[in-house]
């Protein structure tokens, strides 16, 4: 998974139980908890989609689809969408 570094910086946290964690860190934990150690989460430069109060995410296996993850989204829902 590729997580936009610019969106993450603008949002300044917004995820996790305390609402202060970054999406990349929360996704890593959720993937490990689901037993999906085969998926890596990387921060990359701007993905070209700049949502307000959300972070752009691209799955490397589906490069044409950009997922917009609003602040406060449960990372288990994102992992569930992976299948």
PDB file of N, CA and C in Angstrom:
ATOM      1  N   UNK A   1       0.844  -1.170   0.000  1.00  0.00           N
ATOM      2  CA  UNK A   1       0.000   0.000   0.000  1.00  0.00           C
ATOM      3  C   UNK A   1       0.888   1.231   0.000  1.00  0.00           C
ATOM      4  N   UNK A   2       0.483   2.192  -0.755  1.00  0.00           N
ATOM      5  CA  UNK A   2       1.206   3.456  -0.833  1.00  0.00           C
ATOM      6  C   UNK A   2       0.348   4.541  -0.192  1.00  0.00           C
ATOM      7  N   UNK A   3       0.888   5.190   0.814  1.00  0.00           N
ATOM      8  CA  UNK A   3       0.169   6.228   1.555  1.00  0.00           C
ATOM      9  C   UNK A   3       0.808   7.571   1.234  1.00  0.00           C
ATOM     10  N   UNK A   4      -0.007   8.539   0.862  1.00  0.00           N
ATOM     11  CA  UNK A   4       0.489   9.859   0.486  1.00  0.00           C
ATOM     12  C   UNK A   4       1.100  10.573   1.690  1.00  0.00           C
ATOM     13  N   UNK A   5       2.343  10.935   1.575  1.00  0.00           N
ATOM     14  CA  UNK A   5       3.062  11.624   2.643  1.00  0.00           C
ATOM     15  C   UNK A   5       2.535  13.045   2.832  1.00  0.00           C
ATOM     16  N   UNK A   6       2.172  13.700   1.742  1.00  0.00           N
ATOM     17  CA  UNK A   6       1.695  15.084   1.814  1.00  0.00           C
ATOM     18  C   UNK A   6       0.345  15.162   2.536  1.00  0.00           C
ATOM     19  N   UNK A   7      -0.561  14.257   2.205  1.00  0.00           N
ATOM     20  CA  UNK A   7      -1.864  14.229   2.887  1.00  0.00           C
ATOM     21  C   UNK A   7      -1.684  13.926   4.365  1.00  0.00           C
ATOM     22  N   UNK A   8      -0.787  12.991   4.669  1.00  0.00           N
ATOM     23  CA  UNK A   8      -0.528  12.609   6.056  1.00  0.00           C
ATOM     24  C   UNK A   8       0.001  13.794   6.845  1.00  0.00           C
ATOM     25  N   UNK A   9       0.888  14.546   6.240  1.00  0.00           N
ATOM     26  CA  UNK A   9       1.478  15.704   6.916  1.00  0.00           C
ATOM     27  C   UNK A   9       0.425  16.791   7.149  1.00  0.00           C
ATOM     28  N   UNK A  10      -0.420  17.031   6.171  1.00  0.00           N
ATOM     29  CA  UNK A  10      -1.460  18.047   6.312  1.00  0.00           C
ATOM     30  C   UNK A  10      -2.475  17.664   7.383  1.00  0.00           C
ATOM     31  N   UNK A  11      -2.795  16.373   7.466  1.00  0.00           N
ATOM     32  CA  UNK A  11      -3.794  15.904   8.426  1.00  0.00           C
ATOM     33  C   UNK A  11      -3.233  15.872   9.840  1.00  0.00           C
ATOM     34  N   UNK A  12      -1.943  15.616   9.975  1.00  0.00           N
ATOM     35  CA  UNK A  12      -1.265  15.604  11.272  1.00  0.00           C
ATOM     36  C   UNK A  12      -1.922  14.630  12.245  1.00  0.00           C
ATOM     37  N   UNK A  13      -1.933  13.361  11.872  1.00  0.00           N
ATOM     38  CA  UNK A  13      -2.523  12.313  12.717  1.00  0.00           C
ATOM     39  C   UNK A  13      -3.947  12.041  12.284  1.00  0.00           C
ATOM     40  N   UNK A  14      -4.831  11.867  13.251  1.00  0.00           N
ATOM     41  CA  UNK A  14      -6.240  11.679  12.930  1.00  0.00           C
ATOM     42  C   UNK A  14      -6.701  10.236  12.951  1.00  0.00           C
ATOM     43  N   UNK A  15      -5.829   9.293  13.254  1.00  0.00           N
ATOM     44  CA  UNK A  15      -6.194   7.887  13.241  1.00  0.00           C
ATOM     45  C   UNK A  15      -5.800   7.231  14.555  1.00  0.00           C
ATOM     46  N   UNK A  16      -6.253   6.023  14.763  1.00  0.00           N
ATOM     47  CA  UNK A  16      -5.933   5.292  15.979  1.00  0.00           C
ATOM     48  C   UNK A  16      -6.924   5.595  17.090  1.00  0.00           C
ATOM     49  N   UNK A  17      -6.718   4.947  18.215  1.00  0.00           N
ATOM     50  CA  UNK A  17      -7.642   5.110  19.333  1.00  0.00           C
ATOM     51  C   UNK A  17      -7.592   6.506  19.930  1.00  0.00           C
ATOM     52  N   UNK A  18      -6.417   7.119  19.907  1.00  0.00           N
ATOM     53  CA  UNK A  18      -6.280   8.465  20.474  1.00  0.00           C
ATOM     54  C   UNK A  18      -6.509   9.566  19.446  1.00  0.00           C
ATOM     55  N   UNK A  19      -6.591   9.200  18.161  1.00  0.00           N
ATOM     56  CA  UNK A  19      -6.798  10.193  17.117  1.00  0.00           C
ATOM     57  C   UNK A  19      -5.563  10.988  16.760  1.00  0.00           C
ATOM     58  N   UNK A  20      -4.402  10.540  17.227  1.00  0.00           N
ATOM     59  CA  UNK A  20      -3.160  11.268  16.959  1.00  0.00           C
ATOM     60  C   UNK A  20      -2.168  10.475  16.120  1.00  0.00           C
ATOM     61  N   UNK A  21      -2.470   9.232  15.845  1.00  0.00           N
ATOM     62  CA  UNK A  21      -1.540   8.393  15.089  1.00  0.00           C
ATOM     63  C   UNK A  21      -1.679   8.632  13.598  1.00  0.00           C
ATOM     64  N   UNK A  22      -0.616   8.355  12.879  1.00  0.00           N
ATOM     65  CA  UNK A  22      -0.625   8.494  11.427  1.00  0.00           C
ATOM     66  C   UNK A  22      -1.177   7.218  10.809  1.00  0.00           C
ATOM     67  N   UNK A  23      -1.787   7.359   9.641  1.00  0.00           N
ATOM     68  CA  UNK A  23      -2.447   6.234   8.974  1.00  0.00           C
ATOM     69  C   UNK A  23      -1.475   5.091   8.704  1.00  0.00           C
ATOM     70  N   UNK A  24      -0.275   5.404   8.298  1.00  0.00           N
ATOM     71  CA  UNK A  24       0.703   4.369   7.974  1.00  0.00           C
ATOM     72  C   UNK A  24       0.940   3.448   9.173  1.00  0.00           C
ATOM     73  N   UNK A  25       1.140   4.016  10.325  1.00  0.00           N
ATOM     74  CA  UNK A  25       1.406   3.238  11.542  1.00  0.00           C
ATOM     75  C   UNK A  25       0.184   2.397  11.933  1.00  0.00           C
ATOM     76  N   UNK A  26      -0.998   2.983  11.850  1.00  0.00           N
ATOM     77  CA  UNK A  26      -2.219   2.284  12.229  1.00  0.00           C
ATOM     78  C   UNK A  26      -2.500   1.135  11.260  1.00  0.00           C
ATOM     79  N   UNK A  27      -2.273   1.367   9.960  1.00  0.00           N
ATOM     80  CA  UNK A  27      -2.480   0.310   8.977  1.00  0.00           C
ATOM     81  C   UNK A  27      -1.520  -0.851   9.180  1.00  0.00           C
ATOM     82  N   UNK A  28      -0.284  -0.554   9.485  1.00  0.00           N
ATOM     83  CA  UNK A  28       0.689  -1.616   9.750  1.00  0.00           C
ATOM     84  C   UNK A  28       0.204  -2.521  10.873  1.00  0.00           C
ATOM     85  N   UNK A  29      -0.241  -1.912  11.958  1.00  0.00           N
ATOM     86  CA  UNK A  29      -0.729  -2.687  13.101  1.00  0.00           C
ATOM     87  C   UNK A  29      -1.952  -3.518  12.759  1.00  0.00           C
ATOM     88  N   UNK A  30      -2.871  -2.932  11.988  1.00  0.00           N
ATOM     89  CA  UNK A  30      -4.085  -3.656  11.602  1.00  0.00           C
ATOM     90  C   UNK A  30      -3.759  -4.825  10.677  1.00  0.00           C
ATOM     91  N   UNK A  31      -2.812  -4.623   9.764  1.00  0.00           N
ATOM     92  CA  UNK A  31      -2.421  -5.705   8.866  1.00  0.00           C
ATOM     93  C   UNK A  31      -1.742  -6.840   9.632  1.00  0.00           C
ATOM     94  N   UNK A  32      -0.891  -6.491  10.572  1.00  0.00           N
ATOM     95  CA  UNK A  32      -0.238  -7.523  11.394  1.00  0.00           C
ATOM     96  C   UNK A  32      -1.264  -8.277  12.223  1.00  0.00           C
ATOM     97  N   UNK A  33      -2.223  -7.560  12.764  1.00  0.00           N
ATOM     98  CA  UNK A  33      -3.273  -8.191  13.566  1.00  0.00           C
ATOM     99  C   UNK A  33      -4.126  -9.143  12.755  1.00  0.00           C
ATOM    100  N   UNK A  34      -4.273  -8.848  11.464  1.00  0.00           N
ATOM    101  CA  UNK A  34      -5.063  -9.705  10.573  1.00  0.00           C
ATOM    102  C   UNK A  34      -4.219 -10.817   9.962  1.00  0.00           C
ATOM    103  N   UNK A  35      -2.936 -10.865  10.322  1.00  0.00           N
ATOM    104  CA  UNK A  35      -2.067 -11.908   9.784  1.00  0.00           C
ATOM    105  C   UNK A  35      -1.605 -11.655   8.354  1.00  0.00           C
ATOM    106  N   UNK A  36      -1.664 -10.421   7.904  1.00  0.00           N
ATOM    107  CA  UNK A  36      -1.280 -10.065   6.534  1.00  0.00           C
ATOM    108  C   UNK A  36       0.097  -9.429   6.535  1.00  0.00           C
ATOM    109  N   UNK A  37       1.112 -10.187   6.856  1.00  0.00           N
ATOM    110  CA  UNK A  37       2.482  -9.673   6.881  1.00  0.00           C
ATOM    111  C   UNK A  37       3.083  -9.565   5.480  1.00  0.00           C
ATOM    112  N   UNK A  38       2.356 -10.042   4.473  1.00  0.00           N
ATOM    113  CA  UNK A  38       2.844  -9.969   3.102  1.00  0.00           C
ATOM    114  C   UNK A  38       2.618  -8.597   2.473  1.00  0.00           C
ATOM    115  N   UNK A  39       1.840  -7.734   3.117  1.00  0.00           N
ATOM    116  CA  UNK A  39       1.531  -6.406   2.582  1.00  0.00           C
ATOM    117  C   UNK A  39       2.379  -5.364   3.299  1.00  0.00           C
ATOM    118  N   UNK A  40       3.079  -4.546   2.538  1.00  0.00           N
ATOM    119  CA  UNK A  40       3.902  -3.473   3.084  1.00  0.00           C
ATOM    120  C   UNK A  40       3.158  -2.152   2.956  1.00  0.00           C
ATOM    121  N   UNK A  41       3.410  -1.250   3.885  1.00  0.00           N
ATOM    122  CA  UNK A  41       2.806   0.085   3.863  1.00  0.00           C
ATOM    123  C   UNK A  41       3.938   1.088   3.737  1.00  0.00           C
ATOM    124  N   UNK A  42       3.949   1.824   2.628  1.00  0.00           N
ATOM    125  CA  UNK A  42       5.020   2.778   2.350  1.00  0.00           C
ATOM    126  C   UNK A  42       4.471   4.190   2.199  1.00  0.00           C
ATOM    127  N   UNK A  43       5.222   5.161   2.681  1.00  0.00           N
ATOM    128  CA  UNK A  43       4.891   6.567   2.440  1.00  0.00           C
ATOM    129  C   UNK A  43       5.547   6.997   1.140  1.00  0.00           C
ATOM    130  N   UNK A  44       4.780   7.669   0.291  1.00  0.00           N
ATOM    131  CA  UNK A  44       5.289   8.143  -0.993  1.00  0.00           C
ATOM    132  C   UNK A  44       4.931   9.609  -1.153  1.00  0.00           C
ATOM    133  N   UNK A  45       5.468  10.229  -2.177  1.00  0.00           N
ATOM    134  CA  UNK A  45       5.157  11.622  -2.479  1.00  0.00           C
ATOM    135  C   UNK A  45       3.700  11.787  -2.878  1.00  0.00           C
ATOM    136  N   UNK A  46       3.336  12.952  -3.302  1.00  0.00           N
ATOM    137  CA  UNK A  46       1.954  13.281  -3.644  1.00  0.00           C
ATOM    138  C   UNK A  46       1.404  12.326  -4.698  1.00  0.00           C
ATOM    139  N   UNK A  47       0.197  11.825  -4.458  1.00  0.00           N
ATOM    140  CA  UNK A  47      -0.458  10.907  -5.392  1.00  0.00           C
ATOM    141  C   UNK A  47      -1.362  11.637  -6.380  1.00  0.00           C
ATOM    142  N   UNK A  48      -1.489  12.945  -6.222  1.00  0.00           N
ATOM    143  CA  UNK A  48      -2.258  13.728  -7.176  1.00  0.00           C
ATOM    144  C   UNK A  48      -3.705  13.941  -6.776  1.00  0.00           C
ATOM    145  N   UNK A  49      -4.193  13.211  -5.796  1.00  0.00           N
ATOM    146  CA  UNK A  49      -5.540  13.407  -5.281  1.00  0.00           C
ATOM    147  C   UNK A  49      -5.371  14.010  -3.893  1.00  0.00           C
ATOM    148  N   UNK A  50      -5.845  15.239  -3.716  1.00  0.00           N
ATOM    149  CA  UNK A  50      -5.618  15.938  -2.447  1.00  0.00           C
ATOM    150  C   UNK A  50      -6.955  16.201  -1.756  1.00  0.00           C
ATOM    151  N   UNK A  51      -7.474  15.200  -1.013  1.00  0.00           N
ATOM    152  CA  UNK A  51      -8.754  15.387  -0.323  1.00  0.00           C
ATOM    153  C   UNK A  51      -8.594  16.219   0.938  1.00  0.00           C
ATOM    154  N   UNK A  52      -9.691  16.796   1.393  1.00  0.00           N
ATOM    155  CA  UNK A  52      -9.669  17.549   2.647  1.00  0.00           C
ATOM    156  C   UNK A  52      -9.978  16.589   3.792  1.00  0.00           C
ATOM    157  N   UNK A  53      -9.213  16.697   4.878  1.00  0.00           N
ATOM    158  CA  UNK A  53      -9.382  15.872   6.076  1.00  0.00           C
ATOM    159  C   UNK A  53      -9.392  14.376   5.765  1.00  0.00           C
ATOM    160  N   UNK A  54      -8.532  13.950   4.833  1.00  0.00           N
ATOM    161  CA  UNK A  54      -8.419  12.542   4.464  1.00  0.00           C
ATOM    162  C   UNK A  54      -7.028  12.280   3.896  1.00  0.00           C
ATOM    163  N   UNK A  55      -6.700  11.007   3.716  1.00  0.00           N
ATOM    164  CA  UNK A  55      -5.407  10.606   3.175  1.00  0.00           C
ATOM    165  C   UNK A  55      -5.641   9.727   1.951  1.00  0.00           C
ATOM    166  N   UNK A  56      -4.882   9.971   0.884  1.00  0.00           N
ATOM    167  CA  UNK A  56      -4.966   9.157  -0.326  1.00  0.00           C
ATOM    168  C   UNK A  56      -4.103   7.923  -0.169  1.00  0.00           C
ATOM    169  N   UNK A  57      -4.664   6.777  -0.569  1.00  0.00           N
ATOM    170  CA  UNK A  57      -3.964   5.495  -0.477  1.00  0.00           C
ATOM    171  C   UNK A  57      -4.142   4.764  -1.800  1.00  0.00           C
ATOM    172  N   UNK A  58      -3.067   4.135  -2.277  1.00  0.00           N
ATOM    173  CA  UNK A  58      -3.131   3.335  -3.501  1.00  0.00           C
ATOM    174  C   UNK A  58      -2.620   1.944  -3.175  1.00  0.00           C
ATOM    175  N   UNK A  59      -3.340   0.938  -3.631  1.00  0.00           N
ATOM    176  CA  UNK A  59      -2.862  -0.430  -3.509  1.00  0.00           C
ATOM    177  C   UNK A  59      -2.015  -0.699  -4.725  1.00  0.00           C
ATOM    178  N   UNK A  60      -0.815  -1.181  -4.530  1.00  0.00           N
ATOM    179  CA  UNK A  60       0.109  -1.403  -5.634  1.00  0.00           C
ATOM    180  C   UNK A  60      -0.448  -2.413  -6.634  1.00  0.00           C
ATOM    181  N   UNK A  61      -1.268  -3.345  -6.193  1.00  0.00           N
ATOM    182  CA  UNK A  61      -1.844  -4.332  -7.107  1.00  0.00           C
ATOM    183  C   UNK A  61      -2.988  -3.748  -7.931  1.00  0.00           C
ATOM    184  N   UNK A  62      -3.523  -2.590  -7.524  1.00  0.00           N
ATOM    185  CA  UNK A  62      -4.595  -1.904  -8.254  1.00  0.00           C
ATOM    186  C   UNK A  62      -4.218  -0.435  -8.426  1.00  0.00           C
ATOM    187  N   UNK A  63      -3.232  -0.142  -9.256  1.00  0.00           N
ATOM    188  CA  UNK A  63      -2.729   1.237  -9.342  1.00  0.00           C
ATOM    189  C   UNK A  63      -3.717   2.244  -9.911  1.00  0.00           C
ATOM    190  N   UNK A  64      -4.764   1.812 -10.560  1.00  0.00           N
ATOM    191  CA  UNK A  64      -5.725   2.738 -11.135  1.00  0.00           C
ATOM    192  C   UNK A  64      -6.747   3.249 -10.140  1.00  0.00           C
ATOM    193  N   UNK A  65      -6.819   2.631  -8.965  1.00  0.00           N
ATOM    194  CA  UNK A  65      -7.817   3.010  -7.964  1.00  0.00           C
ATOM    195  C   UNK A  65      -7.147   3.698  -6.787  1.00  0.00           C
ATOM    196  N   UNK A  66      -7.607   4.900  -6.492  1.00  0.00           N
ATOM    197  CA  UNK A  66      -7.094   5.647  -5.345  1.00  0.00           C
ATOM    198  C   UNK A  66      -8.170   5.619  -4.265  1.00  0.00           C
ATOM    199  N   UNK A  67      -7.797   5.164  -3.095  1.00  0.00           N
ATOM    200  CA  UNK A  67      -8.724   5.113  -1.971  1.00  0.00           C
ATOM    201  C   UNK A  67      -8.511   6.366  -1.123  1.00  0.00           C
ATOM    202  N   UNK A  68      -9.586   7.054  -0.797  1.00  0.00           N
ATOM    203  CA  UNK A  68      -9.522   8.244   0.053  1.00  0.00           C
ATOM    204  C   UNK A  68     -10.024   7.830   1.433  1.00  0.00           C
ATOM    205  N   UNK A  69      -9.134   7.900   2.413  1.00  0.00           N
ATOM    206  CA  UNK A  69      -9.440   7.440   3.770  1.00  0.00           C
ATOM    207  C   UNK A  69      -9.635   8.655   4.675  1.00  0.00           C
ATOM    208  N   UNK A  70     -10.884   8.921   5.095  1.00  0.00           N
ATOM    209  CA  UNK A  70     -11.132  10.054   5.981  1.00  0.00           C
ATOM    210  C   UNK A  70     -10.522   9.843   7.364  1.00  0.00           C
ATOM    211  N   UNK A  71     -10.216  10.927   8.043  1.00  0.00           N
ATOM    212  CA  UNK A  71      -9.665  10.855   9.398  1.00  0.00           C
ATOM    213  C   UNK A  71     -10.655  10.130  10.303  1.00  0.00           C
ATOM    214  N   UNK A  72     -10.126   9.279  11.177  1.00  0.00           N
ATOM    215  CA  UNK A  72     -10.955   8.545  12.113  1.00  0.00           C
ATOM    216  C   UNK A  72     -11.485   7.228  11.600  1.00  0.00           C
ATOM    217  N   UNK A  73     -11.184   6.870  10.367  1.00  0.00           N
ATOM    218  CA  UNK A  73     -11.646   5.608   9.808  1.00  0.00           C
ATOM    219  C   UNK A  73     -10.978   4.447  10.536  1.00  0.00           C
ATOM    220  N   UNK A  74     -11.757   3.405  10.817  1.00  0.00           N
ATOM    221  CA  UNK A  74     -11.228   2.219  11.476  1.00  0.00           C
ATOM    222  C   UNK A  74     -10.335   1.467  10.485  1.00  0.00           C
ATOM    223  N   UNK A  75      -9.063   1.223  10.826  1.00  0.00           N
ATOM    224  CA  UNK A  75      -8.174   0.545   9.901  1.00  0.00           C
ATOM    225  C   UNK A  75      -8.598  -0.889   9.594  1.00  0.00           C
ATOM    226  N   UNK A  76      -9.383  -1.506  10.473  1.00  0.00           N
ATOM    227  CA  UNK A  76      -9.875  -2.861  10.204  1.00  0.00           C
ATOM    228  C   UNK A  76     -10.777  -2.864   8.973  1.00  0.00           C
ATOM    229  N   UNK A  77     -11.512  -1.782   8.736  1.00  0.00           N
ATOM    230  CA  UNK A  77     -12.358  -1.689   7.536  1.00  0.00           C
ATOM    231  C   UNK A  77     -11.501  -1.652   6.271  1.00  0.00           C
ATOM    232  N   UNK A  78     -10.393  -0.979   6.327  1.00  0.00           N
ATOM    233  CA  UNK A  78      -9.497  -0.892   5.169  1.00  0.00           C
ATOM    234  C   UNK A  78      -8.883  -2.258   4.890  1.00  0.00           C
ATOM    235  N   UNK A  79      -8.455  -2.936   5.942  1.00  0.00           N
ATOM    236  CA  UNK A  79      -7.865  -4.282   5.786  1.00  0.00           C
ATOM    237  C   UNK A  79      -8.930  -5.236   5.247  1.00  0.00           C
ATOM    238  N   UNK A  80     -10.160  -5.100   5.706  1.00  0.00           N
ATOM    239  CA  UNK A  80     -11.245  -5.959   5.237  1.00  0.00           C
ATOM    240  C   UNK A  80     -11.487  -5.784   3.739  1.00  0.00           C
ATOM    241  N   UNK A  81     -11.338  -4.556   3.244  1.00  0.00           N
ATOM    242  CA  UNK A  81     -11.530  -4.283   1.808  1.00  0.00           C
ATOM    243  C   UNK A  81     -10.455  -4.919   0.950  1.00  0.00           C
ATOM    244  N   UNK A  82      -9.313  -5.228   1.550  1.00  0.00           N
ATOM    245  CA  UNK A  82      -8.253  -5.904   0.794  1.00  0.00           C
ATOM    246  C   UNK A  82      -8.662  -7.307   0.401  1.00  0.00           C
ATOM    247  N   UNK A  83      -9.550  -7.913   1.170  1.00  0.00           N
ATOM    248  CA  UNK A  83     -10.020  -9.254   0.846  1.00  0.00           C
ATOM    249  C   UNK A  83      -9.315 -10.364   1.512  1.00  0.00           C
TER     250      UNK A  83
END
